[in-house]
Protein backbone atom coordinates (compact mmCIF):
# COMPACT_ATOMS: atom_id res chain seq x y z
CA MET A 1 72.47 110.54 208.85
CA LYS A 2 73.11 113.74 206.98
CA ARG A 3 76.17 112.07 205.31
CA ILE A 4 73.97 109.23 204.12
CA LEU A 5 71.38 111.55 202.60
CA THR A 6 74.10 113.58 200.89
CA GLY A 7 75.58 110.49 199.50
CA LEU A 8 72.13 109.11 198.27
CA ALA A 9 71.45 112.56 196.70
CA ALA A 10 74.75 112.59 194.96
CA ILE A 11 74.18 109.00 193.53
CA LEU A 12 70.74 109.86 192.58
CA VAL A 13 71.93 112.92 190.61
CA LEU A 14 74.83 111.09 188.97
CA GLY A 15 72.34 108.36 187.83
CA VAL A 16 70.00 111.06 186.39
CA ILE A 17 72.97 112.65 184.41
CA ALA A 18 74.09 109.23 183.31
CA ALA A 19 70.56 108.25 182.06
CA ALA A 20 70.24 111.71 180.34
CA ALA A 21 73.52 111.28 178.48
CA ALA A 22 72.69 107.79 177.40
CA VAL A 23 69.25 109.06 175.95
CA LEU A 24 70.88 112.01 174.26
CA THR A 25 73.75 109.85 172.67
CA GLY A 26 71.26 107.22 171.49
CA ARG A 27 72.53 104.41 173.57
CA LEU A 28 69.16 104.13 175.38
CA SER A 29 65.80 104.72 173.86
CA VAL A 30 62.89 105.93 175.83
CA PRO A 31 59.59 104.81 174.44
CA PHE A 32 57.70 108.11 175.27
CA LEU A 33 60.43 110.44 173.56
CA PRO A 34 60.11 110.92 169.81
CA HIS A 35 62.93 109.43 167.71
CA PRO A 36 65.16 112.12 166.18
CA VAL A 37 64.29 112.91 162.55
CA ARG A 38 67.03 111.72 160.28
CA PRO A 39 67.49 113.56 157.03
CA HIS A 40 66.51 111.46 153.89
CA VAL A 41 69.74 110.43 152.10
CA ARG A 42 69.06 109.67 148.45
CA PRO A 43 70.85 106.62 147.06
CA ALA A 44 73.42 107.31 144.36
CA PRO A 45 72.06 106.93 140.86
CA GLN A 46 72.69 103.62 139.28
CA PRO A 47 74.19 103.47 135.81
CA VAL A 48 72.09 102.06 133.07
CA GLU A 49 73.32 100.18 130.09
CA VAL A 50 71.62 100.60 126.61
CA THR A 51 72.22 98.78 123.48
CA VAL A 52 72.93 100.49 120.23
CA PRO A 53 72.05 98.04 117.16
CA THR A 54 74.66 97.08 114.78
CA ILE A 55 76.17 99.72 112.68
CA THR A 56 77.95 98.96 109.28
CA THR A 57 79.55 101.87 107.44
CA ASN A 58 82.45 102.56 105.18
CA LEU A 59 85.72 103.73 106.47
CA ALA A 60 88.00 106.60 105.52
CA ASP A 61 90.19 104.53 103.43
CA ALA A 62 90.93 105.57 99.77
CA GLY A 63 88.47 104.00 97.41
CA GLY A 64 86.03 103.01 100.09
CA ALA A 65 87.03 99.46 100.07
CA HIS A 66 86.94 98.91 103.83
CA PHE A 67 84.02 98.94 106.25
CA ALA A 68 83.48 98.53 109.95
CA GLU A 69 80.65 96.73 111.70
CA VAL A 70 80.09 97.55 115.33
CA ALA A 71 77.53 96.87 117.90
CA LEU A 72 77.69 98.92 121.30
CA THR A 73 76.40 98.82 124.81
CA ILE A 74 76.74 102.20 126.43
CA SER A 75 76.77 102.60 130.15
CA LEU A 76 74.85 105.86 130.98
CA ARG A 77 74.86 107.86 134.20
CA ASP A 78 71.36 107.04 135.42
CA ALA A 79 67.69 106.27 134.23
CA ALA A 80 66.90 109.89 133.29
CA VAL A 81 69.92 110.00 130.97
CA ALA A 82 68.84 106.62 129.43
CA LYS A 83 65.36 108.00 128.69
CA THR A 84 66.87 110.95 126.79
CA PHE A 85 69.18 108.43 124.99
CA SER A 86 66.23 106.32 123.87
CA SER A 87 64.51 109.47 122.50
CA ARG A 88 67.58 110.59 120.61
CA LEU A 89 68.82 107.11 119.32
CA ALA A 90 68.87 108.19 115.70
CA ALA A 91 71.16 111.12 116.61
CA VAL A 92 73.46 108.75 118.59
CA GLN A 93 73.66 106.32 115.70
CA ASP A 94 74.50 109.20 113.28
CA ALA A 95 77.26 110.38 115.69
CA VAL A 96 78.70 106.86 115.86
CA ILE A 97 78.59 106.58 112.15
CA ALA A 98 80.46 109.88 111.70
CA ASP A 99 83.05 108.85 114.27
CA LEU A 100 83.55 105.57 112.31
CA ARG A 101 83.74 107.25 108.87
CA GLN A 102 86.60 109.57 110.12
CA ARG A 103 88.87 106.61 110.72
CA SER A 104 90.77 104.26 108.32
CA SER A 105 90.92 100.46 108.77
CA ALA A 106 94.61 101.01 109.89
CA GLN A 107 93.67 103.36 112.57
CA LEU A 108 90.98 100.91 114.05
CA ALA A 109 93.24 97.85 113.71
CA GLY A 110 96.04 99.37 115.71
CA ALA A 111 96.54 98.78 119.45
CA GLY A 112 94.59 101.74 120.58
CA GLY A 113 92.07 101.74 117.73
CA MET A 114 88.96 100.58 119.57
CA GLN A 115 89.91 102.60 122.84
CA GLY A 116 90.46 105.82 120.54
CA LEU A 117 86.99 105.10 118.83
CA GLY A 118 85.30 104.45 122.24
CA ASN A 119 86.60 107.77 123.54
CA ALA A 120 85.37 109.65 120.39
CA ILE A 121 81.94 107.92 120.72
CA THR A 122 81.88 108.93 124.47
CA VAL A 123 82.38 112.66 123.51
CA SER A 124 79.94 112.58 120.47
CA VAL A 125 77.18 110.88 122.52
CA ASP A 126 77.62 113.33 125.45
CA GLN A 127 77.26 116.10 122.85
CA VAL A 128 74.01 114.47 121.48
CA LEU A 129 72.63 114.23 124.96
CA ARG A 130 73.75 117.79 125.86
CA SER A 131 75.82 116.57 128.80
CA GLN A 132 79.52 116.27 129.69
CA THR A 133 79.10 113.24 132.09
CA ALA A 134 76.24 111.20 130.52
CA VAL A 135 78.29 108.37 129.25
CA ARG A 136 80.27 106.32 131.67
CA HIS A 137 81.61 103.76 129.29
CA VAL A 138 81.39 102.45 125.76
CA TYR A 139 81.43 98.65 125.36
CA PHE A 140 81.97 97.08 122.07
CA THR A 141 79.78 93.87 121.71
CA GLU A 142 80.75 93.42 118.00
CA PHE A 143 83.82 94.87 116.24
CA VAL A 144 84.63 93.83 112.66
CA VAL A 145 86.91 95.68 110.28
CA GLN A 146 87.38 94.54 106.70
């Protein structure tokens, strides 16, 4: 009889330990126990694309005979940067014009012309927005050099 009671006590203790382990690891929920508080994880900021109206300006060619016409869509880090961008649009356009006027038609027509201009615009717009990581990418939606 003593063996039976000892065996039942051992089974009971093992059952309680197993149930406690299941509750603590989350495999078993007990309705009267509060759920563990999980820290709030903020979602990563989503990039925002903004459009810069078409810009037409002379290029650095001798005699000023060549010009460029570009329209841009710029991908920005998040909505807060986009708000700053909107308030500084005139300064952004000025920076793009300055970048264009430093280049000749031959520089823009070359294989890396658009990419080099895009990189320069990225740096210029980041400076206007006082950030080193505001611009994610510059997309040219129009690009005419004549």
